[in-house]
């Protein structure tokens, strides 16, 4: 998978995507973000293989959970996001082009997403694992932007990365006697 970095520029109220250090960043508007996150999740649900007794949303949920929590055999572990900050000057130094068209072709083995701007096309090819990790990163940036996309994104896309047993431990209050000295 091509390394992709996403961010949010609050002054422009746009997401940006960087896929190469020597190429301009691609501006992504709310409309395009809705297409990425909304229509792409629908395509994933329609093309996910699984038990036929499960709904398409349930099959996609299971596949997504496996993709963001597990690493396929032989693959390097990838993380859905990295947090960093950069100055406004650094952000704009690379330049930007506005994405005006998004085309996605998804099947049970993976797919291709093409962004078109005045500077040309950027194509990403994904296996199913990479597709889920990439989509998770997009979802995190949309959340950072506080864009309440409509219709709402599926719940499986917001599922926490930690297993429920660890989430339960982290959500419980700490015992009140942690600061006291133990008895000899």
C-alpha atoms as a PDB file:
ATOM      1  CA  UNK A   1       0.000   0.000   0.000  1.00  0.00           C
ATOM      2  CA  UNK A   2       1.171   3.508  -0.781  1.00  0.00           C
ATOM      3  CA  UNK A   3       1.850   5.497   2.360  1.00  0.00           C
ATOM      4  CA  UNK A   4      -0.780   8.188   2.781  1.00  0.00           C
ATOM      5  CA  UNK A   5      -0.942  11.016   5.288  1.00  0.00           C
ATOM      6  CA  UNK A   6      -4.168  12.841   6.073  1.00  0.00           C
ATOM      7  CA  UNK A   7      -4.713  16.089   7.901  1.00  0.00           C
ATOM      8  CA  UNK A   8      -7.191  18.862   8.484  1.00  0.00           C
ATOM      9  CA  UNK A   9      -6.687  22.575   7.800  1.00  0.00           C
ATOM     10  CA  UNK A  10      -9.109  24.521  10.000  1.00  0.00           C
ATOM     11  CA  UNK A  11      -8.525  27.784   8.098  1.00  0.00           C
ATOM     12  CA  UNK A  12      -9.657  26.198   4.831  1.00  0.00           C
ATOM     13  CA  UNK A  13     -12.094  23.768   6.512  1.00  0.00           C
ATOM     14  CA  UNK A  14     -10.757  21.037   4.249  1.00  0.00           C
ATOM     15  CA  UNK A  15      -9.032  17.747   4.688  1.00  0.00           C
ATOM     16  CA  UNK A  16      -5.781  17.186   2.865  1.00  0.00           C
ATOM     17  CA  UNK A  17      -4.062  14.053   1.680  1.00  0.00           C
ATOM     18  CA  UNK A  18      -0.342  13.624   1.036  1.00  0.00           C
ATOM     19  CA  UNK A  19       0.846  10.572  -0.859  1.00  0.00           C
ATOM     20  CA  UNK A  20       4.313  11.673  -1.973  1.00  0.00           C
ATOM     21  CA  UNK A  21       6.808  14.235  -0.687  1.00  0.00           C
ATOM     22  CA  UNK A  22       7.385  15.597  -4.188  1.00  0.00           C
ATOM     23  CA  UNK A  23       3.698  16.029  -5.104  1.00  0.00           C
ATOM     24  CA  UNK A  24       1.226  18.677  -3.974  1.00  0.00           C
ATOM     25  CA  UNK A  25      -1.210  17.734  -1.254  1.00  0.00           C
ATOM     26  CA  UNK A  26      -4.751  17.040  -2.360  1.00  0.00           C
ATOM     27  CA  UNK A  27      -7.538  19.145  -0.837  1.00  0.00           C
ATOM     28  CA  UNK A  28     -10.599  17.088   0.057  1.00  0.00           C
ATOM     29  CA  UNK A  29     -13.888  18.923   0.540  1.00  0.00           C
ATOM     30  CA  UNK A  30     -16.768  17.742   2.728  1.00  0.00           C
ATOM     31  CA  UNK A  31     -18.603  16.509  -0.365  1.00  0.00           C
ATOM     32  CA  UNK A  32     -15.652  14.350  -1.448  1.00  0.00           C
ATOM     33  CA  UNK A  33     -15.092  13.191   2.155  1.00  0.00           C
ATOM     34  CA  UNK A  34     -18.731  12.114   2.278  1.00  0.00           C
ATOM     35  CA  UNK A  35     -18.145  10.126  -0.907  1.00  0.00           C
ATOM     36  CA  UNK A  36     -15.030   8.516   0.486  1.00  0.00           C
ATOM     37  CA  UNK A  37     -16.436   7.636   3.859  1.00  0.00           C
ATOM     38  CA  UNK A  38     -20.097   7.104   2.967  1.00  0.00           C
ATOM     39  CA  UNK A  39     -20.140   5.498  -0.457  1.00  0.00           C
ATOM     40  CA  UNK A  40     -16.923   3.588   0.156  1.00  0.00           C
ATOM     41  CA  UNK A  41     -18.327   1.992   3.295  1.00  0.00           C
ATOM     42  CA  UNK A  42     -21.431   0.988   1.321  1.00  0.00           C
ATOM     43  CA  UNK A  43     -19.238  -0.601  -1.363  1.00  0.00           C
ATOM     44  CA  UNK A  44     -17.291  -2.457   1.321  1.00  0.00           C
ATOM     45  CA  UNK A  45     -20.517  -3.765   2.847  1.00  0.00           C
ATOM     46  CA  UNK A  46     -21.775  -4.904  -0.570  1.00  0.00           C
ATOM     47  CA  UNK A  47     -18.548  -6.763  -1.433  1.00  0.00           C
ATOM     48  CA  UNK A  48     -17.597  -8.348   1.905  1.00  0.00           C
ATOM     49  CA  UNK A  49     -17.582 -12.124   1.841  1.00  0.00           C
ATOM     50  CA  UNK A  50     -18.870 -13.954   4.901  1.00  0.00           C
ATOM     51  CA  UNK A  51     -21.733 -15.945   6.286  1.00  0.00           C
ATOM     52  CA  UNK A  52     -24.790 -15.415   4.119  1.00  0.00           C
ATOM     53  CA  UNK A  53     -26.969 -15.391   7.237  1.00  0.00           C
ATOM     54  CA  UNK A  54     -25.217 -12.195   8.401  1.00  0.00           C
ATOM     55  CA  UNK A  55     -26.264  -8.796   7.088  1.00  0.00           C
ATOM     56  CA  UNK A  56     -23.822  -6.954   4.797  1.00  0.00           C
ATOM     57  CA  UNK A  57     -23.156  -4.469   7.616  1.00  0.00           C
ATOM     58  CA  UNK A  58     -22.323  -7.302  10.043  1.00  0.00           C
ATOM     59  CA  UNK A  59     -19.943  -8.952   7.551  1.00  0.00           C
ATOM     60  CA  UNK A  60     -18.180  -5.591   6.984  1.00  0.00           C
ATOM     61  CA  UNK A  61     -17.982  -5.042  10.748  1.00  0.00           C
ATOM     62  CA  UNK A  62     -16.234  -8.375  11.273  1.00  0.00           C
ATOM     63  CA  UNK A  63     -13.846  -7.792   8.380  1.00  0.00           C
ATOM     64  CA  UNK A  64     -13.059  -4.270   9.619  1.00  0.00           C
ATOM     65  CA  UNK A  65     -12.392  -5.485  13.153  1.00  0.00           C
ATOM     66  CA  UNK A  66      -9.987  -8.108  11.860  1.00  0.00           C
ATOM     67  CA  UNK A  67      -8.222  -5.601   9.591  1.00  0.00           C
ATOM     68  CA  UNK A  68      -7.591  -2.927  12.218  1.00  0.00           C
ATOM     69  CA  UNK A  69      -6.707  -5.320  15.039  1.00  0.00           C
ATOM     70  CA  UNK A  70      -4.744  -8.036  13.259  1.00  0.00           C
ATOM     71  CA  UNK A  71      -1.950  -8.184  10.737  1.00  0.00           C
ATOM     72  CA  UNK A  72      -2.252 -10.609   7.825  1.00  0.00           C
ATOM     73  CA  UNK A  73       0.426 -13.299   7.594  1.00  0.00           C
ATOM     74  CA  UNK A  74       3.568 -11.966   5.973  1.00  0.00           C
ATOM     75  CA  UNK A  75       2.474  -8.304   6.105  1.00  0.00           C
ATOM     76  CA  UNK A  76       4.265  -5.559   7.960  1.00  0.00           C
ATOM     77  CA  UNK A  77       2.163  -4.079  10.776  1.00  0.00           C
ATOM     78  CA  UNK A  78       0.641  -0.789   9.695  1.00  0.00           C
ATOM     79  CA  UNK A  79      -1.037   1.680  11.964  1.00  0.00           C
ATOM     80  CA  UNK A  80      -4.157   3.516  10.851  1.00  0.00           C
ATOM     81  CA  UNK A  81      -2.845   6.874  11.950  1.00  0.00           C
ATOM     82  CA  UNK A  82       0.039   8.898  13.248  1.00  0.00           C
ATOM     83  CA  UNK A  83      -0.375  12.142  15.108  1.00  0.00           C
ATOM     84  CA  UNK A  84       1.900  15.059  14.392  1.00  0.00           C
ATOM     85  CA  UNK A  85       1.822  18.813  14.101  1.00  0.00           C
ATOM     86  CA  UNK A  86       3.405  21.107  11.587  1.00  0.00           C
ATOM     87  CA  UNK A  87       3.590  24.839  11.145  1.00  0.00           C
ATOM     88  CA  UNK A  88       1.267  26.675   8.754  1.00  0.00           C
ATOM     89  CA  UNK A  89       4.295  27.456   6.571  1.00  0.00           C
ATOM     90  CA  UNK A  90       5.280  23.796   6.339  1.00  0.00           C
ATOM     91  CA  UNK A  91       1.681  22.823   5.644  1.00  0.00           C
ATOM     92  CA  UNK A  92       1.394  25.191   2.668  1.00  0.00           C
ATOM     93  CA  UNK A  93       4.972  24.867   1.357  1.00  0.00           C
ATOM     94  CA  UNK A  94       4.191  21.740  -0.647  1.00  0.00           C
ATOM     95  CA  UNK A  95       1.207  23.307  -2.402  1.00  0.00           C
ATOM     96  CA  UNK A  96      -2.314  21.994  -2.879  1.00  0.00           C
ATOM     97  CA  UNK A  97      -4.613  20.851  -5.669  1.00  0.00           C
ATOM     98  CA  UNK A  98      -8.357  20.467  -5.245  1.00  0.00           C
ATOM     99  CA  UNK A  99      -9.842  16.998  -5.720  1.00  0.00           C
ATOM    100  CA  UNK A 100     -12.937  17.353  -7.874  1.00  0.00           C
ATOM    101  CA  UNK A 101     -13.766  13.720  -8.672  1.00  0.00           C
ATOM    102  CA  UNK A 102     -13.548  10.453  -6.783  1.00  0.00           C
ATOM    103  CA  UNK A 103     -13.952   7.055  -8.420  1.00  0.00           C
ATOM    104  CA  UNK A 104     -13.918   3.819  -6.437  1.00  0.00           C
ATOM    105  CA  UNK A 105     -14.010   0.243  -7.685  1.00  0.00           C
ATOM    106  CA  UNK A 106     -14.215  -2.273  -4.845  1.00  0.00           C
ATOM    107  CA  UNK A 107     -14.523  -6.047  -5.007  1.00  0.00           C
ATOM    108  CA  UNK A 108     -14.107  -8.946  -2.586  1.00  0.00           C
ATOM    109  CA  UNK A 109     -10.321  -8.942  -3.090  1.00  0.00           C
ATOM    110  CA  UNK A 110      -9.643  -5.210  -2.728  1.00  0.00           C
ATOM    111  CA  UNK A 111     -10.063  -2.315  -5.042  1.00  0.00           C
ATOM    112  CA  UNK A 112      -8.895   0.933  -6.511  1.00  0.00           C
ATOM    113  CA  UNK A 113      -9.680   4.533  -5.581  1.00  0.00           C
ATOM    114  CA  UNK A 114      -8.874   7.355  -7.999  1.00  0.00           C
ATOM    115  CA  UNK A 115      -8.772  11.023  -7.037  1.00  0.00           C
ATOM    116  CA  UNK A 116      -8.862  13.483  -9.946  1.00  0.00           C
ATOM    117  CA  UNK A 117      -7.673  17.088  -9.736  1.00  0.00           C
ATOM    118  CA  UNK A 118      -6.453  19.729 -12.162  1.00  0.00           C
ATOM    119  CA  UNK A 119      -2.956  18.256 -11.690  1.00  0.00           C
ATOM    120  CA  UNK A 120      -4.057  14.798 -12.842  1.00  0.00           C
ATOM    121  CA  UNK A 121      -5.059  11.554 -11.177  1.00  0.00           C
ATOM    122  CA  UNK A 122      -3.840   9.798  -8.067  1.00  0.00           C
ATOM    123  CA  UNK A 123      -4.663   6.086  -7.959  1.00  0.00           C
ATOM    124  CA  UNK A 124      -4.495   3.868  -4.924  1.00  0.00           C
ATOM    125  CA  UNK A 125      -4.790   0.100  -5.175  1.00  0.00           C
ATOM    126  CA  UNK A 126      -5.721  -1.797  -2.044  1.00  0.00           C
ATOM    127  CA  UNK A 127      -6.176  -5.275  -0.746  1.00  0.00           C
ATOM    128  CA  UNK A 128      -9.043  -5.583   1.739  1.00  0.00           C
ATOM    129  CA  UNK A 129      -6.748  -5.188   4.759  1.00  0.00           C
ATOM    130  CA  UNK A 130      -5.190  -1.959   3.454  1.00  0.00           C
ATOM    131  CA  UNK A 131      -8.584  -0.621   2.425  1.00  0.00           C
ATOM    132  CA  UNK A 132      -9.899  -0.871   5.979  1.00  0.00           C
ATOM    133  CA  UNK A 133      -6.765   0.662   7.528  1.00  0.00           C
ATOM    134  CA  UNK A 134      -6.868   3.536   5.005  1.00  0.00           C
ATOM    135  CA  UNK A 135     -10.587   4.117   5.553  1.00  0.00           C
ATOM    136  CA  UNK A 136     -10.042   4.144   9.329  1.00  0.00           C
ATOM    137  CA  UNK A 137      -7.463   6.921   8.917  1.00  0.00           C
ATOM    138  CA  UNK A 138      -9.897   8.956   6.790  1.00  0.00           C
ATOM    139  CA  UNK A 139     -12.577   8.486   9.457  1.00  0.00           C
ATOM    140  CA  UNK A 140     -10.252   9.748  12.180  1.00  0.00           C
ATOM    141  CA  UNK A 141      -9.481  12.950  10.265  1.00  0.00           C
ATOM    142  CA  UNK A 142     -13.185  13.524   9.559  1.00  0.00           C
ATOM    143  CA  UNK A 143     -13.789  13.201  13.305  1.00  0.00           C
ATOM    144  CA  UNK A 144     -10.982  15.692  14.027  1.00  0.00           C
ATOM    145  CA  UNK A 145     -12.631  18.150  11.632  1.00  0.00           C
ATOM    146  CA  UNK A 146     -15.929  17.751  13.522  1.00  0.00           C
ATOM    147  CA  UNK A 147     -17.741  17.164  10.251  1.00  0.00           C
ATOM    148  CA  UNK A 148     -21.027  15.508  11.057  1.00  0.00           C
ATOM    149  CA  UNK A 149     -21.446  13.810   7.729  1.00  0.00           C
ATOM    150  CA  UNK A 150     -24.928  12.853   6.686  1.00  0.00           C
ATOM    151  CA  UNK A 151     -25.990  10.140   6.459  1.00  0.00           C
ATOM    152  CA  UNK A 152     -24.068   9.014   9.513  1.00  0.00           C
ATOM    153  CA  UNK A 153     -21.203   6.604   8.990  1.00  0.00           C
ATOM    154  CA  UNK A 154     -21.703   2.982  10.033  1.00  0.00           C
ATOM    155  CA  UNK A 155     -20.986   2.135  13.662  1.00  0.00           C
ATOM    156  CA  UNK A 156     -18.401  -0.481  12.691  1.00  0.00           C
ATOM    157  CA  UNK A 157     -16.121   2.272  11.387  1.00  0.00           C
ATOM    158  CA  UNK A 158     -15.975   3.877  14.857  1.00  0.00           C
ATOM    159  CA  UNK A 159     -15.432   0.695  16.802  1.00  0.00           C
ATOM    160  CA  UNK A 160     -12.541   1.098  19.285  1.00  0.00           C
ATOM    161  CA  UNK A 161      -9.278  -0.592  18.385  1.00  0.00           C
ATOM    162  CA  UNK A 162      -8.751  -2.049  21.865  1.00  0.00           C
ATOM    163  CA  UNK A 163     -10.402  -5.358  22.752  1.00  0.00           C
ATOM    164  CA  UNK A 164     -13.449  -4.985  25.008  1.00  0.00           C
ATOM    165  CA  UNK A 165     -11.657  -6.621  27.970  1.00  0.00           C
ATOM    166  CA  UNK A 166      -9.033  -3.856  27.951  1.00  0.00           C
ATOM    167  CA  UNK A 167     -11.648  -1.145  27.314  1.00  0.00           C
ATOM    168  CA  UNK A 168     -13.515  -2.328  30.431  1.00  0.00           C
ATOM    169  CA  UNK A 169     -10.350  -2.068  32.522  1.00  0.00           C
ATOM    170  CA  UNK A 170      -9.641   1.440  31.254  1.00  0.00           C
ATOM    171  CA  UNK A 171     -13.188   2.684  31.794  1.00  0.00           C
ATOM    172  CA  UNK A 172     -13.433   1.553  35.437  1.00  0.00           C
ATOM    173  CA  UNK A 173     -12.568   4.075  38.146  1.00  0.00           C
ATOM    174  CA  UNK A 174      -9.307   3.575  39.974  1.00  0.00           C
ATOM    175  CA  UNK A 175      -9.441   2.263  43.532  1.00  0.00           C
ATOM    176  CA  UNK A 176      -9.455   5.152  46.033  1.00  0.00           C
ATOM    177  CA  UNK A 177      -6.589   3.727  48.128  1.00  0.00           C
ATOM    178  CA  UNK A 178      -3.866   3.808  45.436  1.00  0.00           C
ATOM    179  CA  UNK A 179      -1.969   6.621  47.146  1.00  0.00           C
ATOM    180  CA  UNK A 180      -1.918   5.062  50.586  1.00  0.00           C
ATOM    181  CA  UNK A 181       1.057   3.091  51.867  1.00  0.00           C
ATOM    182  CA  UNK A 182       0.503  -0.661  51.994  1.00  0.00           C
ATOM    183  CA  UNK A 183       0.479  -2.315  55.402  1.00  0.00           C
ATOM    184  CA  UNK A 184       3.788  -4.031  56.366  1.00  0.00           C
END
